[in-house]
């Protein structure tokens, strides 16, 4: 009914909307934290939640976790304690080993290079892959045999999806409201009522 009377009104997304739209998964919070694809995420904010029931009986007490496939540096855990509905940002335990953001594609490729490797070894392989990706064309020509076609494809995709990519923080404080900026308002010009059934080519 609203669409028929007013049409579509685009609205900007805030940080919480960004997290809400990310892919979700349901997992337990263990003593070591949360493990996703051989990556361990942990934070002191998870201490009250470790080995606890989430309160969601339909999911057998698991916790709702949202993650970004293009940035494995952090995940978000929904916190429903005390009737609140917020997010806990949890960072990857070995984030300090990799100096650039990357996604699941680069992680899976690095993991395939060290089959059976530990989490630290996979992180080091991912860091080496990203280092080769950011070497530049001159060094690329100097050692063409060291990079396979798959390496070049993954490196190019990772670099393309992470250059200057902003990551909104849902827990960031909202900017203070400036009362003085509202004193001088522009003239409001009302729009006509949108009629979806009207002929758009007929002039009134």
C-alpha atoms as a PDB file:
ATOM      1  CA  UNK A   1       0.000   0.000   0.000  1.00  0.00           C
ATOM      2  CA  UNK A   2       2.851   2.378   0.779  1.00  0.00           C
ATOM      3  CA  UNK A   3       4.525   1.675  -2.556  1.00  0.00           C
ATOM      4  CA  UNK A   4       1.285   2.363  -4.412  1.00  0.00           C
ATOM      5  CA  UNK A   5       0.776   5.672  -2.642  1.00  0.00           C
ATOM      6  CA  UNK A   6       4.319   7.006  -2.273  1.00  0.00           C
ATOM      7  CA  UNK A   7       6.589   4.996  -4.539  1.00  0.00           C
ATOM      8  CA  UNK A   8      10.104   3.829  -3.651  1.00  0.00           C
ATOM      9  CA  UNK A   9      12.172   5.960  -1.286  1.00  0.00           C
ATOM     10  CA  UNK A  10      15.872   4.945  -1.061  1.00  0.00           C
ATOM     11  CA  UNK A  11      17.403   5.106   2.409  1.00  0.00           C
ATOM     12  CA  UNK A  12      21.127   5.039   3.282  1.00  0.00           C
ATOM     13  CA  UNK A  13      22.408   2.076   5.294  1.00  0.00           C
ATOM     14  CA  UNK A  14      24.118   2.495   8.620  1.00  0.00           C
ATOM     15  CA  UNK A  15      26.709   0.181  10.180  1.00  0.00           C
ATOM     16  CA  UNK A  16      24.160  -2.139  11.781  1.00  0.00           C
ATOM     17  CA  UNK A  17      22.283  -2.493   8.466  1.00  0.00           C
ATOM     18  CA  UNK A  18      25.580  -3.448   6.798  1.00  0.00           C
ATOM     19  CA  UNK A  19      26.210  -6.221   9.334  1.00  0.00           C
ATOM     20  CA  UNK A  20      22.579  -7.362   9.214  1.00  0.00           C
ATOM     21  CA  UNK A  21      22.795  -7.968   5.454  1.00  0.00           C
ATOM     22  CA  UNK A  22      25.974 -10.074   5.634  1.00  0.00           C
ATOM     23  CA  UNK A  23      25.785 -13.902   5.357  1.00  0.00           C
ATOM     24  CA  UNK A  24      24.935 -15.601   8.619  1.00  0.00           C
ATOM     25  CA  UNK A  25      25.881 -18.885  10.253  1.00  0.00           C
ATOM     26  CA  UNK A  26      25.039 -20.464  13.597  1.00  0.00           C
ATOM     27  CA  UNK A  27      27.846 -21.791  15.797  1.00  0.00           C
ATOM     28  CA  UNK A  28      28.775 -22.434  19.393  1.00  0.00           C
ATOM     29  CA  UNK A  29      31.150 -20.144  21.278  1.00  0.00           C
ATOM     30  CA  UNK A  30      33.826 -22.399  22.763  1.00  0.00           C
ATOM     31  CA  UNK A  31      36.616 -21.789  25.252  1.00  0.00           C
ATOM     32  CA  UNK A  32      38.999 -20.839  22.428  1.00  0.00           C
ATOM     33  CA  UNK A  33      36.442 -18.642  20.678  1.00  0.00           C
ATOM     34  CA  UNK A  34      34.816 -19.263  17.297  1.00  0.00           C
ATOM     35  CA  UNK A  35      36.372 -21.233  14.453  1.00  0.00           C
ATOM     36  CA  UNK A  36      35.410 -20.675  10.811  1.00  0.00           C
ATOM     37  CA  UNK A  37      37.295 -22.463   8.025  1.00  0.00           C
ATOM     38  CA  UNK A  38      40.357 -23.099  10.222  1.00  0.00           C
ATOM     39  CA  UNK A  39      40.403 -19.468  11.405  1.00  0.00           C
ATOM     40  CA  UNK A  40      39.990 -18.704  15.109  1.00  0.00           C
ATOM     41  CA  UNK A  41      38.166 -15.565  16.243  1.00  0.00           C
ATOM     42  CA  UNK A  42      38.341 -14.518  19.868  1.00  0.00           C
ATOM     43  CA  UNK A  43      37.708 -11.524  22.122  1.00  0.00           C
ATOM     44  CA  UNK A  44      37.421 -10.860  25.838  1.00  0.00           C
ATOM     45  CA  UNK A  45      33.835  -9.716  25.169  1.00  0.00           C
ATOM     46  CA  UNK A  46      32.950 -13.357  24.470  1.00  0.00           C
ATOM     47  CA  UNK A  47      33.832 -14.456  28.013  1.00  0.00           C
ATOM     48  CA  UNK A  48      30.229 -14.358  29.343  1.00  0.00           C
ATOM     49  CA  UNK A  49      29.020 -16.273  26.256  1.00  0.00           C
ATOM     50  CA  UNK A  50      31.474 -19.156  26.149  1.00  0.00           C
ATOM     51  CA  UNK A  51      29.758 -22.550  26.250  1.00  0.00           C
ATOM     52  CA  UNK A  52      26.447 -20.835  26.986  1.00  0.00           C
ATOM     53  CA  UNK A  53      23.030 -21.331  25.407  1.00  0.00           C
ATOM     54  CA  UNK A  54      22.086 -18.489  23.077  1.00  0.00           C
ATOM     55  CA  UNK A  55      18.417 -18.666  23.998  1.00  0.00           C
ATOM     56  CA  UNK A  56      17.384 -19.544  20.439  1.00  0.00           C
ATOM     57  CA  UNK A  57      15.794 -22.972  20.832  1.00  0.00           C
ATOM     58  CA  UNK A  58      15.159 -23.366  17.087  1.00  0.00           C
ATOM     59  CA  UNK A  59      18.935 -23.276  16.506  1.00  0.00           C
ATOM     60  CA  UNK A  60      19.727 -25.631  19.427  1.00  0.00           C
ATOM     61  CA  UNK A  61      21.322 -22.856  21.470  1.00  0.00           C
ATOM     62  CA  UNK A  62      23.845 -21.818  18.813  1.00  0.00           C
ATOM     63  CA  UNK A  63      24.833 -18.176  18.343  1.00  0.00           C
ATOM     64  CA  UNK A  64      24.059 -16.080  15.282  1.00  0.00           C
ATOM     65  CA  UNK A  65      27.264 -15.010  13.540  1.00  0.00           C
ATOM     66  CA  UNK A  66      27.560 -12.738  10.509  1.00  0.00           C
ATOM     67  CA  UNK A  67      30.694 -12.692   8.362  1.00  0.00           C
ATOM     68  CA  UNK A  68      31.974 -10.865   5.290  1.00  0.00           C
ATOM     69  CA  UNK A  69      33.200 -13.223   2.512  1.00  0.00           C
ATOM     70  CA  UNK A  70      35.441 -10.430   1.183  1.00  0.00           C
ATOM     71  CA  UNK A  71      37.087  -9.600   4.523  1.00  0.00           C
ATOM     72  CA  UNK A  72      38.025 -12.377   6.945  1.00  0.00           C
ATOM     73  CA  UNK A  73      39.566 -10.008   9.501  1.00  0.00           C
ATOM     74  CA  UNK A  74      36.491  -9.934  11.737  1.00  0.00           C
ATOM     75  CA  UNK A  75      33.066 -11.411  12.409  1.00  0.00           C
ATOM     76  CA  UNK A  76      30.016 -10.159  14.293  1.00  0.00           C
ATOM     77  CA  UNK A  77      28.141 -12.076  16.990  1.00  0.00           C
ATOM     78  CA  UNK A  78      24.581 -11.070  17.847  1.00  0.00           C
ATOM     79  CA  UNK A  79      24.182 -10.385  21.546  1.00  0.00           C
ATOM     80  CA  UNK A  80      20.617 -10.821  22.822  1.00  0.00           C
ATOM     81  CA  UNK A  81      21.389 -10.688  26.544  1.00  0.00           C
ATOM     82  CA  UNK A  82      19.060  -8.649  28.710  1.00  0.00           C
ATOM     83  CA  UNK A  83      16.585  -8.120  25.895  1.00  0.00           C
ATOM     84  CA  UNK A  84      19.120  -6.071  23.946  1.00  0.00           C
ATOM     85  CA  UNK A  85      19.898  -6.728  20.288  1.00  0.00           C
ATOM     86  CA  UNK A  86      23.448  -5.618  19.545  1.00  0.00           C
ATOM     87  CA  UNK A  87      26.594  -6.871  17.864  1.00  0.00           C
ATOM     88  CA  UNK A  88      29.962  -7.947  19.245  1.00  0.00           C
ATOM     89  CA  UNK A  89      32.857  -7.429  16.832  1.00  0.00           C
ATOM     90  CA  UNK A  90      35.344 -10.300  17.090  1.00  0.00           C
ATOM     91  CA  UNK A  91      38.697 -10.137  15.282  1.00  0.00           C
ATOM     92  CA  UNK A  92      40.728 -12.957  13.783  1.00  0.00           C
ATOM     93  CA  UNK A  93      43.356 -14.242  16.199  1.00  0.00           C
ATOM     94  CA  UNK A  94      46.205 -14.149  13.640  1.00  0.00           C
ATOM     95  CA  UNK A  95      45.285 -10.894  11.938  1.00  0.00           C
ATOM     96  CA  UNK A  96      48.704  -9.448  12.786  1.00  0.00           C
ATOM     97  CA  UNK A  97      50.369 -11.990  10.465  1.00  0.00           C
ATOM     98  CA  UNK A  98      48.765 -10.520   7.328  1.00  0.00           C
ATOM     99  CA  UNK A  99      49.286  -6.876   6.471  1.00  0.00           C
ATOM    100  CA  UNK A 100      46.423  -6.445   3.976  1.00  0.00           C
ATOM    101  CA  UNK A 101      42.709  -7.314   3.979  1.00  0.00           C
ATOM    102  CA  UNK A 102      41.670 -10.372   1.990  1.00  0.00           C
ATOM    103  CA  UNK A 103      38.670 -12.637   1.515  1.00  0.00           C
ATOM    104  CA  UNK A 104      37.637 -16.263   1.525  1.00  0.00           C
ATOM    105  CA  UNK A 105      38.954 -16.853  -1.994  1.00  0.00           C
ATOM    106  CA  UNK A 106      42.529 -15.938  -1.053  1.00  0.00           C
ATOM    107  CA  UNK A 107      42.267 -17.933   2.192  1.00  0.00           C
ATOM    108  CA  UNK A 108      41.047 -21.073   0.401  1.00  0.00           C
ATOM    109  CA  UNK A 109      43.861 -20.755  -2.141  1.00  0.00           C
ATOM    110  CA  UNK A 110      46.486 -20.330   0.577  1.00  0.00           C
ATOM    111  CA  UNK A 111      45.047 -23.285   2.476  1.00  0.00           C
ATOM    112  CA  UNK A 112      45.341 -25.447  -0.633  1.00  0.00           C
ATOM    113  CA  UNK A 113      49.039 -24.562  -0.880  1.00  0.00           C
ATOM    114  CA  UNK A 114      49.755 -25.975   2.598  1.00  0.00           C
ATOM    115  CA  UNK A 115      47.531 -29.074   2.907  1.00  0.00           C
ATOM    116  CA  UNK A 116      47.297 -30.175   6.494  1.00  0.00           C
ATOM    117  CA  UNK A 117      48.992 -26.981   7.665  1.00  0.00           C
ATOM    118  CA  UNK A 118      48.260 -25.169  10.897  1.00  0.00           C
ATOM    119  CA  UNK A 119      46.342 -21.937  11.099  1.00  0.00           C
ATOM    120  CA  UNK A 120      49.600 -20.012  11.434  1.00  0.00           C
ATOM    121  CA  UNK A 121      51.059 -21.682   8.333  1.00  0.00           C
ATOM    122  CA  UNK A 122      47.958 -20.893   6.290  1.00  0.00           C
ATOM    123  CA  UNK A 123      48.090 -17.276   7.482  1.00  0.00           C
ATOM    124  CA  UNK A 124      51.732 -17.025   6.432  1.00  0.00           C
ATOM    125  CA  UNK A 125      50.881 -18.523   3.028  1.00  0.00           C
ATOM    126  CA  UNK A 126      48.105 -15.950   2.605  1.00  0.00           C
ATOM    127  CA  UNK A 127      50.502 -13.160   3.567  1.00  0.00           C
ATOM    128  CA  UNK A 128      53.014 -14.420   0.978  1.00  0.00           C
ATOM    129  CA  UNK A 129      50.277 -14.518  -1.665  1.00  0.00           C
ATOM    130  CA  UNK A 130      49.216 -10.947  -0.928  1.00  0.00           C
ATOM    131  CA  UNK A 131      52.839  -9.822  -0.910  1.00  0.00           C
ATOM    132  CA  UNK A 132      53.285 -11.231  -4.403  1.00  0.00           C
ATOM    133  CA  UNK A 133      50.055  -9.542  -5.472  1.00  0.00           C
ATOM    134  CA  UNK A 134      51.318  -6.123  -4.395  1.00  0.00           C
ATOM    135  CA  UNK A 135      54.851  -6.511  -5.789  1.00  0.00           C
ATOM    136  CA  UNK A 136      53.978  -4.684  -9.003  1.00  0.00           C
ATOM    137  CA  UNK A 137      54.571  -5.391 -12.707  1.00  0.00           C
ATOM    138  CA  UNK A 138      58.381  -4.969 -12.635  1.00  0.00           C
ATOM    139  CA  UNK A 139      59.016  -7.753 -10.148  1.00  0.00           C
ATOM    140  CA  UNK A 140      56.334  -9.813 -11.848  1.00  0.00           C
ATOM    141  CA  UNK A 141      58.394  -9.830 -15.054  1.00  0.00           C
ATOM    142  CA  UNK A 142      61.557 -10.693 -13.156  1.00  0.00           C
ATOM    143  CA  UNK A 143      60.137 -13.939 -11.769  1.00  0.00           C
ATOM    144  CA  UNK A 144      57.307 -15.194 -13.992  1.00  0.00           C
ATOM    145  CA  UNK A 145      57.871 -18.863 -13.195  1.00  0.00           C
ATOM    146  CA  UNK A 146      57.141 -18.504  -9.479  1.00  0.00           C
ATOM    147  CA  UNK A 147      53.482 -17.605  -9.937  1.00  0.00           C
ATOM    148  CA  UNK A 148      50.922 -19.897 -11.463  1.00  0.00           C
ATOM    149  CA  UNK A 149      47.876 -18.759 -13.387  1.00  0.00           C
ATOM    150  CA  UNK A 150      45.694 -19.522 -10.367  1.00  0.00           C
ATOM    151  CA  UNK A 151      47.979 -17.423  -8.146  1.00  0.00           C
ATOM    152  CA  UNK A 152      47.648 -14.437 -10.461  1.00  0.00           C
ATOM    153  CA  UNK A 153      43.855 -14.772 -10.653  1.00  0.00           C
ATOM    154  CA  UNK A 154      43.392 -14.976  -6.881  1.00  0.00           C
ATOM    155  CA  UNK A 155      45.826 -12.120  -6.260  1.00  0.00           C
ATOM    156  CA  UNK A 156      44.126  -9.876  -8.811  1.00  0.00           C
ATOM    157  CA  UNK A 157      40.668 -10.625  -7.394  1.00  0.00           C
ATOM    158  CA  UNK A 158      41.828  -9.967  -3.834  1.00  0.00           C
ATOM    159  CA  UNK A 159      43.469  -6.675  -4.738  1.00  0.00           C
ATOM    160  CA  UNK A 160      40.450  -5.508  -6.759  1.00  0.00           C
ATOM    161  CA  UNK A 161      37.947  -6.173  -3.975  1.00  0.00           C
ATOM    162  CA  UNK A 162      39.927  -4.609  -1.126  1.00  0.00           C
ATOM    163  CA  UNK A 163      41.462  -1.380  -2.447  1.00  0.00           C
ATOM    164  CA  UNK A 164      40.097   1.502  -0.348  1.00  0.00           C
ATOM    165  CA  UNK A 165      37.155  -0.631   0.737  1.00  0.00           C
ATOM    166  CA  UNK A 166      35.493   1.017   3.767  1.00  0.00           C
ATOM    167  CA  UNK A 167      34.332  -1.238   6.582  1.00  0.00           C
ATOM    168  CA  UNK A 168      31.581   0.431   8.615  1.00  0.00           C
ATOM    169  CA  UNK A 169      31.677  -0.223  12.338  1.00  0.00           C
ATOM    170  CA  UNK A 170      28.181  -0.839  13.768  1.00  0.00           C
ATOM    171  CA  UNK A 171      29.417   0.089  17.250  1.00  0.00           C
ATOM    172  CA  UNK A 172      30.854   3.444  16.203  1.00  0.00           C
ATOM    173  CA  UNK A 173      29.344   6.417  17.966  1.00  0.00           C
ATOM    174  CA  UNK A 174      26.951   8.543  15.970  1.00  0.00           C
ATOM    175  CA  UNK A 175      28.146  12.118  15.225  1.00  0.00           C
ATOM    176  CA  UNK A 176      26.938  14.771  17.586  1.00  0.00           C
ATOM    177  CA  UNK A 177      23.883  16.723  16.468  1.00  0.00           C
ATOM    178  CA  UNK A 178      24.666  20.303  15.521  1.00  0.00           C
ATOM    179  CA  UNK A 179      21.759  22.517  16.526  1.00  0.00           C
ATOM    180  CA  UNK A 180      23.270  25.578  14.852  1.00  0.00           C
ATOM    181  CA  UNK A 181      23.262  23.840  11.459  1.00  0.00           C
ATOM    182  CA  UNK A 182      19.461  23.499  11.650  1.00  0.00           C
ATOM    183  CA  UNK A 183      18.759  27.210  12.128  1.00  0.00           C
ATOM    184  CA  UNK A 184      19.086  28.053   8.431  1.00  0.00           C
ATOM    185  CA  UNK A 185      16.849  25.627   6.547  1.00  0.00           C
ATOM    186  CA  UNK A 186      16.229  25.560   2.838  1.00  0.00           C
ATOM    187  CA  UNK A 187      12.777  26.026   1.381  1.00  0.00           C
ATOM    188  CA  UNK A 188      10.794  22.802   1.257  1.00  0.00           C
ATOM    189  CA  UNK A 189       9.149  22.118  -2.102  1.00  0.00           C
ATOM    190  CA  UNK A 190       6.464  19.419  -1.755  1.00  0.00           C
ATOM    191  CA  UNK A 191       6.204  16.715  -4.390  1.00  0.00           C
ATOM    192  CA  UNK A 192       2.997  15.608  -5.993  1.00  0.00           C
ATOM    193  CA  UNK A 193       1.288  12.364  -5.043  1.00  0.00           C
ATOM    194  CA  UNK A 194       2.736   9.403  -6.939  1.00  0.00           C
ATOM    195  CA  UNK A 195       0.144   7.453  -8.889  1.00  0.00           C
ATOM    196  CA  UNK A 196       1.509   4.114 -10.162  1.00  0.00           C
ATOM    197  CA  UNK A 197      -1.600   3.508 -12.283  1.00  0.00           C
ATOM    198  CA  UNK A 198      -1.393   6.804 -14.156  1.00  0.00           C
ATOM    199  CA  UNK A 199      -0.099   7.024 -17.707  1.00  0.00           C
ATOM    200  CA  UNK A 200       3.417   8.552 -17.422  1.00  0.00           C
ATOM    201  CA  UNK A 201       3.369   9.735 -21.056  1.00  0.00           C
ATOM    202  CA  UNK A 202       0.186  11.785 -20.739  1.00  0.00           C
ATOM    203  CA  UNK A 203       0.780  15.433 -19.873  1.00  0.00           C
ATOM    204  CA  UNK A 204      -1.522  16.838 -17.171  1.00  0.00           C
END
